[in-house]
Amino acid sequence: MPYNILSRLSAEGLLESCSIIVFHKGAIGDRKTIFGRDISKLTRSRIEHIGGESGYERLSAPIDSVIDIEANSATIFRRKMRIKRIYPRA
């Protein structure tokens, strides 16, 4: 589903104005924002983008880790999050 939305935005030329929030374990709050202008390649399994500490590193994120897609300050896609229930031990 996220790939279909991103490829449609890319075909219409609206990918530059969108932001993608992905799950990233090392980031603050376990979330990382990828801006559409930084995306260099989009495949069915990965989003390749430019970023990192220097700003010029080639990075990639799995498409399965996409949480939100926002364009023009409107949320286009939001992944349903599962809540893990922890029961007390008896």
N, C-alpha and C. Protein backbone atom coordinates (compact mmCIF):
# COMPACT_ATOMS: atom_id res chain seq x y z
N MET A 1 0.80 -1.21 0.00
CA MET A 1 0.00 0.00 0.00
C MET A 1 0.85 1.28 0.00
N PRO A 2 1.86 1.42 0.87
CA PRO A 2 2.67 2.64 0.82
C PRO A 2 3.40 2.80 -0.51
N TYR A 3 3.84 1.69 -1.11
CA TYR A 3 4.54 1.79 -2.39
C TYR A 3 3.61 2.35 -3.46
N ASN A 4 2.37 1.90 -3.49
CA ASN A 4 1.41 2.39 -4.49
C ASN A 4 1.18 3.88 -4.34
N ILE A 5 1.05 4.35 -3.11
CA ILE A 5 0.82 5.77 -2.86
C ILE A 5 2.04 6.59 -3.27
N LEU A 6 3.23 6.12 -2.89
CA LEU A 6 4.45 6.86 -3.22
C LEU A 6 4.72 6.87 -4.72
N SER A 7 4.45 5.78 -5.40
CA SER A 7 4.67 5.76 -6.85
C SER A 7 3.67 6.66 -7.56
N ARG A 8 2.45 6.75 -7.06
CA ARG A 8 1.46 7.66 -7.65
C ARG A 8 1.87 9.12 -7.42
N LEU A 9 2.37 9.42 -6.22
CA LEU A 9 2.85 10.78 -5.96
C LEU A 9 4.04 11.12 -6.84
N SER A 10 4.90 10.15 -7.08
CA SER A 10 6.06 10.36 -7.94
C SER A 10 5.64 10.61 -9.38
N ALA A 11 4.66 9.86 -9.86
CA ALA A 11 4.19 10.02 -11.23
C ALA A 11 3.51 11.38 -11.44
N GLU A 12 2.83 11.87 -10.41
CA GLU A 12 2.14 13.15 -10.52
C GLU A 12 3.05 14.33 -10.20
N GLY A 13 4.29 14.06 -9.77
CA GLY A 13 5.23 15.13 -9.47
C GLY A 13 5.03 15.76 -8.10
N LEU A 14 4.31 15.10 -7.22
CA LEU A 14 4.03 15.65 -5.89
C LEU A 14 4.92 15.05 -4.81
N LEU A 15 5.87 14.22 -5.20
CA LEU A 15 6.74 13.57 -4.22
C LEU A 15 7.66 14.57 -3.53
N GLU A 16 7.99 15.66 -4.21
CA GLU A 16 8.88 16.68 -3.64
C GLU A 16 8.29 17.35 -2.40
N SER A 17 6.97 17.44 -2.34
CA SER A 17 6.33 18.17 -1.24
C SER A 17 5.84 17.27 -0.11
N CYS A 18 6.17 15.98 -0.15
CA CYS A 18 5.66 15.09 0.88
C CYS A 18 6.75 14.74 1.88
N SER A 19 6.34 14.25 3.03
CA SER A 19 7.26 13.75 4.04
C SER A 19 6.78 12.37 4.48
N ILE A 20 7.75 11.49 4.72
CA ILE A 20 7.46 10.11 5.06
C ILE A 20 8.06 9.84 6.43
N ILE A 21 7.26 9.33 7.34
CA ILE A 21 7.74 9.00 8.68
C ILE A 21 7.90 7.49 8.74
N VAL A 22 9.12 7.04 9.08
CA VAL A 22 9.42 5.62 9.13
C VAL A 22 9.85 5.23 10.54
N PHE A 23 9.70 3.96 10.85
CA PHE A 23 10.14 3.42 12.13
C PHE A 23 11.65 3.21 12.05
N HIS A 24 12.39 3.80 13.01
CA HIS A 24 13.85 3.71 13.03
C HIS A 24 14.29 3.57 14.47
N LYS A 25 14.88 2.43 14.81
CA LYS A 25 15.21 2.15 16.21
C LYS A 25 16.21 3.11 16.82
N GLY A 26 17.13 3.65 16.05
CA GLY A 26 18.16 4.51 16.60
C GLY A 26 17.76 5.97 16.74
N ALA A 27 16.63 6.36 16.19
CA ALA A 27 16.22 7.76 16.21
C ALA A 27 15.46 8.09 17.49
N ILE A 28 15.33 9.37 17.75
CA ILE A 28 14.59 9.82 18.92
C ILE A 28 13.11 9.50 18.71
N GLY A 29 12.52 8.83 19.68
CA GLY A 29 11.11 8.45 19.58
C GLY A 29 10.88 7.30 18.61
N ASP A 30 11.95 6.66 18.16
CA ASP A 30 11.89 5.54 17.22
C ASP A 30 11.24 5.91 15.89
N ARG A 31 11.30 7.17 15.53
CA ARG A 31 10.73 7.62 14.25
C ARG A 31 11.71 8.52 13.54
N LYS A 32 11.74 8.42 12.22
CA LYS A 32 12.62 9.24 11.40
C LYS A 32 11.80 9.80 10.25
N THR A 33 12.06 11.04 9.88
CA THR A 33 11.33 11.67 8.79
C THR A 33 12.21 11.72 7.55
N ILE A 34 11.67 11.24 6.45
CA ILE A 34 12.34 11.32 5.15
C ILE A 34 11.53 12.28 4.30
N PHE A 35 12.18 13.29 3.78
CA PHE A 35 11.50 14.27 2.93
C PHE A 35 11.53 13.80 1.48
N GLY A 36 10.50 14.14 0.75
CA GLY A 36 10.37 13.69 -0.63
C GLY A 36 11.48 14.18 -1.53
N ARG A 37 12.00 15.35 -1.24
CA ARG A 37 13.07 15.89 -2.08
C ARG A 37 14.38 15.11 -1.92
N ASP A 38 14.51 14.32 -0.84
CA ASP A 38 15.72 13.54 -0.60
C ASP A 38 15.66 12.13 -1.18
N ILE A 39 14.52 11.71 -1.69
CA ILE A 39 14.37 10.35 -2.22
C ILE A 39 15.04 10.27 -3.59
N SER A 40 15.95 9.30 -3.74
CA SER A 40 16.64 9.14 -5.01
C SER A 40 16.09 7.97 -5.82
N LYS A 41 15.63 6.92 -5.14
CA LYS A 41 15.11 5.75 -5.84
C LYS A 41 14.03 5.10 -4.99
N LEU A 42 13.00 4.63 -5.65
CA LEU A 42 11.89 3.99 -4.97
C LEU A 42 11.66 2.62 -5.60
N THR A 43 11.79 1.57 -4.78
CA THR A 43 11.53 0.22 -5.26
C THR A 43 10.40 -0.38 -4.43
N ARG A 44 9.96 -1.57 -4.78
CA ARG A 44 8.87 -2.21 -4.04
C ARG A 44 9.26 -2.55 -2.61
N SER A 45 10.55 -2.71 -2.35
CA SER A 45 10.97 -3.13 -1.02
C SER A 45 11.70 -2.04 -0.24
N ARG A 46 12.29 -1.03 -0.90
CA ARG A 46 13.10 -0.05 -0.19
C ARG A 46 12.89 1.37 -0.72
N ILE A 47 13.16 2.33 0.16
CA ILE A 47 13.20 3.73 -0.21
C ILE A 47 14.66 4.17 -0.07
N GLU A 48 15.31 4.50 -1.17
CA GLU A 48 16.68 4.98 -1.12
C GLU A 48 16.65 6.50 -1.09
N HIS A 49 17.38 7.07 -0.12
CA HIS A 49 17.36 8.51 0.05
C HIS A 49 18.73 9.01 0.45
N ILE A 50 18.88 10.32 0.40
CA ILE A 50 20.13 10.97 0.77
C ILE A 50 19.94 11.58 2.14
N GLY A 51 20.93 11.40 3.03
CA GLY A 51 20.81 11.93 4.38
C GLY A 51 22.03 11.59 5.19
N GLY A 52 21.83 11.34 6.45
CA GLY A 52 22.94 11.01 7.33
C GLY A 52 23.53 12.25 7.96
N GLU A 53 24.63 12.08 8.67
CA GLU A 53 25.25 13.21 9.37
C GLU A 53 25.86 14.21 8.41
N SER A 54 26.44 13.74 7.31
CA SER A 54 27.05 14.66 6.36
C SER A 54 26.02 15.28 5.42
N GLY A 55 24.87 14.62 5.29
CA GLY A 55 23.83 15.11 4.39
C GLY A 55 23.96 14.60 2.98
N TYR A 56 25.03 13.86 2.70
CA TYR A 56 25.26 13.35 1.35
C TYR A 56 25.40 11.83 1.31
N GLU A 57 25.12 11.16 2.40
CA GLU A 57 25.22 9.71 2.43
C GLU A 57 24.00 9.08 1.75
N ARG A 58 24.22 7.97 1.06
CA ARG A 58 23.11 7.24 0.45
C ARG A 58 22.60 6.23 1.46
N LEU A 59 21.37 6.37 1.89
CA LEU A 59 20.75 5.50 2.87
C LEU A 59 19.53 4.83 2.26
N SER A 60 19.05 3.80 2.93
CA SER A 60 17.81 3.16 2.47
C SER A 60 17.01 2.72 3.68
N ALA A 61 15.72 2.71 3.49
CA ALA A 61 14.79 2.29 4.54
C ALA A 61 13.80 1.31 3.93
N PRO A 62 13.44 0.27 4.66
CA PRO A 62 12.46 -0.68 4.12
C PRO A 62 11.08 -0.04 4.01
N ILE A 63 10.38 -0.36 2.95
CA ILE A 63 9.06 0.22 2.71
C ILE A 63 8.05 -0.28 3.74
N ASP A 64 8.34 -1.43 4.37
CA ASP A 64 7.44 -1.96 5.40
C ASP A 64 7.48 -1.14 6.68
N SER A 65 8.49 -0.30 6.86
CA SER A 65 8.60 0.48 8.09
C SER A 65 7.93 1.85 7.99
N VAL A 66 7.23 2.13 6.89
CA VAL A 66 6.55 3.42 6.74
C VAL A 66 5.37 3.49 7.70
N ILE A 67 5.34 4.56 8.50
CA ILE A 67 4.25 4.76 9.46
C ILE A 67 3.23 5.76 8.91
N ASP A 68 3.70 6.91 8.43
CA ASP A 68 2.83 7.96 7.91
C ASP A 68 3.38 8.50 6.61
N ILE A 69 2.48 8.93 5.73
CA ILE A 69 2.83 9.69 4.53
C ILE A 69 2.00 10.96 4.58
N GLU A 70 2.69 12.10 4.56
CA GLU A 70 2.00 13.39 4.61
C GLU A 70 2.37 14.21 3.39
N ALA A 71 1.38 14.86 2.79
CA ALA A 71 1.61 15.74 1.65
C ALA A 71 0.71 16.96 1.81
N ASN A 72 1.29 18.13 1.65
CA ASN A 72 0.56 19.40 1.77
C ASN A 72 -0.17 19.49 3.11
N SER A 73 0.52 19.13 4.18
CA SER A 73 0.03 19.16 5.56
C SER A 73 -1.24 18.33 5.78
N ALA A 74 -1.41 17.29 4.98
CA ALA A 74 -2.53 16.36 5.15
C ALA A 74 -1.97 14.94 5.18
N THR A 75 -2.48 14.12 6.07
CA THR A 75 -2.03 12.75 6.18
C THR A 75 -2.73 11.91 5.11
N ILE A 76 -1.93 11.29 4.24
CA ILE A 76 -2.47 10.48 3.16
C ILE A 76 -2.56 9.02 3.59
N PHE A 77 -1.56 8.57 4.35
CA PHE A 77 -1.50 7.16 4.76
C PHE A 77 -1.06 7.10 6.21
N ARG A 78 -1.71 6.25 6.99
CA ARG A 78 -1.31 6.01 8.38
C ARG A 78 -1.45 4.51 8.64
N ARG A 79 -0.34 3.91 9.08
CA ARG A 79 -0.34 2.48 9.37
C ARG A 79 -1.02 2.23 10.70
N LYS A 80 -1.82 1.19 10.74
CA LYS A 80 -2.45 0.79 12.00
C LYS A 80 -1.39 0.15 12.88
N MET A 81 -1.28 0.62 14.09
CA MET A 81 -0.28 0.09 15.02
C MET A 81 -0.96 -0.91 15.94
N ARG A 82 -0.30 -2.03 16.18
CA ARG A 82 -0.82 -3.02 17.11
C ARG A 82 -0.31 -2.71 18.51
N ILE A 83 -1.17 -2.87 19.47
CA ILE A 83 -0.80 -2.65 20.84
C ILE A 83 -0.51 -4.01 21.49
N LYS A 84 0.67 -4.12 22.01
CA LYS A 84 1.06 -5.37 22.64
C LYS A 84 0.54 -5.37 24.07
N ARG A 85 -0.24 -6.37 24.39
CA ARG A 85 -0.82 -6.46 25.73
C ARG A 85 0.09 -7.31 26.61
N ILE A 86 0.41 -6.78 27.74
CA ILE A 86 1.25 -7.50 28.69
C ILE A 86 0.40 -7.82 29.91
N TYR A 87 0.24 -9.07 30.17
CA TYR A 87 -0.54 -9.51 31.32
C TYR A 87 0.37 -9.77 32.50
N PRO A 88 -0.05 -9.40 33.69
CA PRO A 88 0.80 -9.68 34.86
C PRO A 88 0.89 -11.18 35.13
N ARG A 89 2.05 -11.58 35.55
CA ARG A 89 2.24 -13.00 35.88
C ARG A 89 1.64 -13.30 37.23
N ALA A 90 1.04 -14.47 37.34
CA ALA A 90 0.40 -14.85 38.60
C ALA A 90 1.35 -15.61 39.49
